[in-house]
N, C-alpha and C. Protein backbone atom coordinates (compact mmCIF):
# COMPACT_ATOMS: atom_id res chain seq x y z
N UNK A 1 27.74 -11.85 28.16
CA UNK A 1 26.67 -12.86 28.81
C UNK A 1 26.03 -11.99 30.15
N UNK A 2 26.17 -10.79 30.30
CA UNK A 2 25.88 -10.09 31.44
C UNK A 2 24.16 -10.21 31.61
N UNK A 3 23.46 -10.53 30.54
CA UNK A 3 22.24 -10.73 30.82
C UNK A 3 21.60 -12.19 30.19
N UNK A 4 21.48 -12.91 31.10
CA UNK A 4 21.30 -14.32 30.75
C UNK A 4 20.05 -14.58 29.95
N UNK A 5 19.05 -13.64 30.32
CA UNK A 5 17.66 -13.79 29.54
C UNK A 5 17.71 -13.24 28.17
N UNK A 6 18.75 -12.66 27.63
CA UNK A 6 18.99 -12.20 26.26
C UNK A 6 19.56 -13.31 25.51
N UNK A 7 18.88 -14.53 25.51
CA UNK A 7 19.23 -15.68 24.87
C UNK A 7 19.58 -15.41 23.31
N UNK A 8 18.70 -14.77 22.70
CA UNK A 8 19.07 -14.46 21.17
C UNK A 8 20.18 -13.78 21.02
N UNK A 9 20.85 -13.01 21.86
CA UNK A 9 22.05 -12.36 21.66
C UNK A 9 23.17 -13.03 21.91
N UNK A 10 23.20 -14.07 22.71
CA UNK A 10 24.46 -14.80 23.00
C UNK A 10 24.39 -16.37 22.53
N UNK A 11 23.37 -16.65 22.01
CA UNK A 11 23.20 -18.20 21.43
C UNK A 11 24.15 -18.25 20.30
N UNK A 12 24.17 -17.35 19.29
CA UNK A 12 25.13 -17.43 18.16
C UNK A 12 26.49 -17.71 18.48
N UNK A 13 27.00 -17.02 19.56
CA UNK A 13 28.39 -17.11 20.07
C UNK A 13 28.61 -18.45 20.49
N UNK A 14 27.67 -19.08 21.33
CA UNK A 14 27.76 -20.37 21.97
C UNK A 14 27.60 -21.29 20.93
N UNK A 15 26.95 -21.32 19.87
CA UNK A 15 26.75 -22.37 19.00
C UNK A 15 27.97 -22.25 17.99
N UNK A 16 28.54 -21.27 17.83
CA UNK A 16 29.73 -21.23 16.85
C UNK A 16 31.03 -21.68 17.63
N UNK A 17 31.11 -21.79 18.83
CA UNK A 17 32.21 -22.18 19.65
C UNK A 17 32.73 -23.63 19.41
N UNK A 18 31.96 -24.42 19.39
CA UNK A 18 32.27 -25.81 19.16
C UNK A 18 33.00 -26.16 17.84
N UNK A 19 32.13 -25.72 16.77
CA UNK A 19 33.04 -25.97 15.40
C UNK A 19 34.27 -24.99 15.31
N UNK A 20 34.51 -23.97 16.01
CA UNK A 20 35.61 -23.12 16.00
C UNK A 20 36.76 -24.04 16.55
N UNK A 21 36.47 -24.23 18.03
CA UNK A 21 37.49 -25.17 18.66
C UNK A 21 37.99 -26.23 17.78
N UNK A 22 36.96 -26.99 17.22
CA UNK A 22 37.49 -28.26 16.53
C UNK A 22 38.30 -28.03 15.47
N UNK A 23 38.18 -26.94 14.72
CA UNK A 23 38.93 -26.44 13.74
C UNK A 23 40.35 -25.99 14.08
N UNK A 24 40.16 -25.27 15.14
CA UNK A 24 41.60 -24.92 15.68
C UNK A 24 42.33 -26.16 16.09
N UNK A 25 41.84 -26.97 16.74
CA UNK A 25 42.46 -28.11 17.35
C UNK A 25 43.04 -29.08 16.22
N UNK A 26 42.32 -29.23 15.04
CA UNK A 26 42.80 -30.05 13.89
C UNK A 26 43.94 -29.69 13.09
N UNK A 27 44.15 -28.16 13.08
CA UNK A 27 45.14 -27.61 12.34
C UNK A 27 46.42 -27.24 13.14
N UNK A 28 47.59 -27.93 12.98
CA UNK A 28 48.70 -27.57 13.98
C UNK A 28 49.37 -26.35 13.66
N UNK A 29 49.11 -25.72 12.45
CA UNK A 29 49.56 -24.34 12.34
C UNK A 29 49.00 -23.17 13.00
N UNK A 30 47.97 -23.67 13.79
CA UNK A 30 47.24 -22.34 14.51
C UNK A 30 47.91 -22.44 15.91
N UNK A 31 48.56 -23.30 16.36
CA UNK A 31 49.21 -23.38 17.67
C UNK A 31 48.11 -23.14 18.82
N UNK A 32 47.12 -23.84 18.46
CA UNK A 32 46.05 -23.66 19.47
C UNK A 32 46.38 -24.66 20.73
N UNK A 33 46.45 -24.03 22.00
CA UNK A 33 46.71 -24.75 23.13
C UNK A 33 45.79 -25.78 23.71
N UNK A 34 44.48 -25.46 23.72
CA UNK A 34 43.38 -26.10 24.19
C UNK A 34 42.24 -25.48 24.61
N UNK A 35 41.24 -26.09 25.11
CA UNK A 35 40.05 -25.61 25.45
C UNK A 35 39.31 -26.44 26.42
N UNK A 36 38.52 -25.76 27.36
CA UNK A 36 37.69 -26.60 28.47
C UNK A 36 36.28 -25.99 28.24
N UNK A 37 35.36 -26.89 28.53
CA UNK A 37 34.13 -26.52 28.45
C UNK A 37 33.37 -26.76 29.86
N UNK A 38 32.71 -26.10 30.35
CA UNK A 38 32.11 -25.99 31.71
C UNK A 38 30.67 -25.88 31.51
N UNK A 39 29.91 -26.87 31.88
CA UNK A 39 28.49 -26.88 31.90
C UNK A 39 27.91 -27.04 33.33
N UNK A 40 27.08 -26.05 33.54
CA UNK A 40 26.53 -26.23 34.95
C UNK A 40 25.13 -26.96 35.03
C-alpha cells in the first residue's frame, strides 16, 4: 500500500481480509491467535 491512490490494486486485499479473518477465527484447527482492525 505504498501508493494510496492506487485504489484498484489494494482494494481486493482489503475486501478479502474480513472474510478470511472470520473463517480463521471460527476454525480452532488453524490456531489463529487474533486480529486487530485499525481505521483512521
